[in-house]
Amino acid sequence: MTRRRCVACGCSARVLQRPVERRPSWCPECQTDLYARPPRSYAEMEGICASPVVRRDRHDLMGFFERTIAIAMGVVVSVGLIASAMR
């Protein structure tokens, strides 16, 4: 229940049990990027115990900016449509 597993393939290799600083970057079985999807135990996934802090990388920040821009564009288009309908 507390053994960390790759969330893509379920691998629970010994190297995945190391602290975050000493953990490999890729799953030894399926080559999943462990920075994007860190290995987690069932207890961590269910919220029974706290997950270790995972560094946020550039991909997370870019996703945030992409979502923010998409929302802003949607608001601008909606306001423009409403304004043109009120004429």
C-alpha atoms as a PDB file:
ATOM      1  CA  MET A   1       0.000   0.000   0.000  1.00  0.00           C
ATOM      2  CA  THR A   2       2.934   2.339   0.584  1.00  0.00           C
ATOM      3  CA  ARG A   3       5.175   0.975  -2.172  1.00  0.00           C
ATOM      4  CA  ARG A   4       5.543   3.521  -4.975  1.00  0.00           C
ATOM      5  CA  ARG A   5       4.588   2.387  -8.476  1.00  0.00           C
ATOM      6  CA  CYS A   6       4.887   3.896 -11.939  1.00  0.00           C
ATOM      7  CA  VAL A   7       1.442   5.338 -12.698  1.00  0.00           C
ATOM      8  CA  ALA A   8       1.734   4.278 -16.349  1.00  0.00           C
ATOM      9  CA  CYS A   9       2.699   0.600 -16.051  1.00  0.00           C
ATOM     10  CA  GLY A  10       2.531  -0.295 -12.338  1.00  0.00           C
ATOM     11  CA  CYS A  11       6.241  -1.096 -12.037  1.00  0.00           C
ATOM     12  CA  SER A  12       7.370  -1.032  -8.396  1.00  0.00           C
ATOM     13  CA  ALA A  13      11.124  -1.470  -8.910  1.00  0.00           C
ATOM     14  CA  ARG A  14      13.499  -0.797  -6.056  1.00  0.00           C
ATOM     15  CA  VAL A  15      14.848   2.385  -7.723  1.00  0.00           C
ATOM     16  CA  LEU A  16      11.346   3.928  -7.597  1.00  0.00           C
ATOM     17  CA  GLN A  17      11.364   3.655  -3.788  1.00  0.00           C
ATOM     18  CA  ARG A  18      14.291   6.076  -3.436  1.00  0.00           C
ATOM     19  CA  PRO A  19      13.853   9.680  -2.230  1.00  0.00           C
ATOM     20  CA  VAL A  20      12.863  12.176  -4.938  1.00  0.00           C
ATOM     21  CA  GLU A  21      16.428  13.515  -5.249  1.00  0.00           C
ATOM     22  CA  ARG A  22      17.879  10.057  -5.991  1.00  0.00           C
ATOM     23  CA  ARG A  23      15.047   8.677  -8.131  1.00  0.00           C
ATOM     24  CA  PRO A  24      15.679   8.021 -11.856  1.00  0.00           C
ATOM     25  CA  SER A  25      14.129  10.292 -14.495  1.00  0.00           C
ATOM     26  CA  TRP A  26      12.530   7.415 -16.428  1.00  0.00           C
ATOM     27  CA  CYS A  27      10.628   4.276 -15.434  1.00  0.00           C
ATOM     28  CA  PRO A  28      12.913   1.231 -15.856  1.00  0.00           C
ATOM     29  CA  GLU A  29      10.056  -0.794 -17.425  1.00  0.00           C
ATOM     30  CA  CYS A  30       8.094   1.531 -19.731  1.00  0.00           C
ATOM     31  CA  GLN A  31      10.394   4.600 -19.992  1.00  0.00           C
ATOM     32  CA  THR A  32       7.670   6.990 -18.738  1.00  0.00           C
ATOM     33  CA  ASP A  33       8.989  10.420 -17.730  1.00  0.00           C
ATOM     34  CA  LEU A  34       8.909  10.300 -13.922  1.00  0.00           C
ATOM     35  CA  TYR A  35       9.183  14.086 -13.616  1.00  0.00           C
ATOM     36  CA  ALA A  36       5.928  14.534 -15.545  1.00  0.00           C
ATOM     37  CA  ARG A  37       4.173  11.623 -13.787  1.00  0.00           C
ATOM     38  CA  PRO A  38       6.009  10.727 -10.564  1.00  0.00           C
ATOM     39  CA  PRO A  39       5.614   7.239  -9.083  1.00  0.00           C
ATOM     40  CA  ARG A  40       3.046   7.165  -6.280  1.00  0.00           C
ATOM     41  CA  SER A  41       1.827   4.631  -3.755  1.00  0.00           C
ATOM     42  CA  TYR A  42      -1.837   3.729  -3.380  1.00  0.00           C
ATOM     43  CA  ALA A  43      -1.832   5.569  -0.039  1.00  0.00           C
ATOM     44  CA  GLU A  44      -0.525   8.736  -1.733  1.00  0.00           C
ATOM     45  CA  MET A  45      -3.092   8.456  -4.530  1.00  0.00           C
ATOM     46  CA  GLU A  46      -5.940   8.070  -2.037  1.00  0.00           C
ATOM     47  CA  GLY A  47      -4.687  10.947   0.122  1.00  0.00           C
ATOM     48  CA  ILE A  48      -3.975   8.759   3.152  1.00  0.00           C
ATOM     49  CA  CYS A  49      -0.393  10.001   3.345  1.00  0.00           C
ATOM     50  CA  ALA A  50       1.261  13.054   1.818  1.00  0.00           C
ATOM     51  CA  SER A  51       3.035  12.859  -1.534  1.00  0.00           C
ATOM     52  CA  PRO A  52       6.604  14.144  -1.690  1.00  0.00           C
ATOM     53  CA  VAL A  53       7.058  17.563  -3.230  1.00  0.00           C
ATOM     54  CA  VAL A  54       7.686  17.270  -6.953  1.00  0.00           C
ATOM     55  CA  ARG A  55       9.513  19.980  -8.820  1.00  0.00           C
ATOM     56  CA  ARG A  56       7.459  21.875 -11.357  1.00  0.00           C
ATOM     57  CA  ASP A  57       9.104  22.074 -14.705  1.00  0.00           C
ATOM     58  CA  ARG A  58       8.679  24.232 -17.773  1.00  0.00           C
ATOM     59  CA  HIS A  59       5.922  22.022 -19.210  1.00  0.00           C
ATOM     60  CA  ASP A  60       3.667  22.714 -16.220  1.00  0.00           C
ATOM     61  CA  LEU A  61       4.266  26.450 -16.551  1.00  0.00           C
ATOM     62  CA  MET A  62       3.587  26.393 -20.308  1.00  0.00           C
ATOM     63  CA  GLY A  63       0.346  24.495 -19.731  1.00  0.00           C
ATOM     64  CA  PHE A  64      -0.743  27.167 -17.256  1.00  0.00           C
ATOM     65  CA  PHE A  65      -0.003  29.937 -19.772  1.00  0.00           C
ATOM     66  CA  GLU A  66      -1.794  28.068 -22.573  1.00  0.00           C
ATOM     67  CA  ARG A  67      -4.923  27.633 -20.436  1.00  0.00           C
ATOM     68  CA  THR A  68      -4.828  31.278 -19.329  1.00  0.00           C
ATOM     69  CA  ILE A  69      -4.509  32.525 -22.909  1.00  0.00           C
ATOM     70  CA  ALA A  70      -7.318  30.236 -24.088  1.00  0.00           C
ATOM     71  CA  ILE A  71      -9.637  31.514 -21.345  1.00  0.00           C
ATOM     72  CA  ALA A  72      -8.739  35.148 -22.092  1.00  0.00           C
ATOM     73  CA  MET A  73      -9.393  34.617 -25.814  1.00  0.00           C
ATOM     74  CA  GLY A  74     -12.752  33.033 -25.017  1.00  0.00           C
ATOM     75  CA  VAL A  75     -13.722  36.005 -22.835  1.00  0.00           C
ATOM     76  CA  VAL A  76     -12.673  38.513 -25.531  1.00  0.00           C
ATOM     77  CA  VAL A  77     -14.655  36.681 -28.233  1.00  0.00           C
ATOM     78  CA  SER A  78     -17.710  36.390 -25.965  1.00  0.00           C
ATOM     79  CA  VAL A  79     -17.644  40.093 -25.085  1.00  0.00           C
ATOM     80  CA  GLY A  80     -17.266  40.960 -28.788  1.00  0.00           C
ATOM     81  CA  LEU A  81     -20.242  38.789 -29.739  1.00  0.00           C
ATOM     82  CA  ILE A  82     -22.401  40.259 -26.993  1.00  0.00           C
ATOM     83  CA  ALA A  83     -21.404  43.810 -27.974  1.00  0.00           C
ATOM     84  CA  SER A  84     -22.201  43.201 -31.650  1.00  0.00           C
ATOM     85  CA  ALA A  85     -25.568  41.627 -30.789  1.00  0.00           C
ATOM     86  CA  MET A  86     -26.572  44.683 -28.721  1.00  0.00           C
ATOM     87  CA  ARG A  87     -26.154  47.099 -31.657  1.00  0.00           C
END
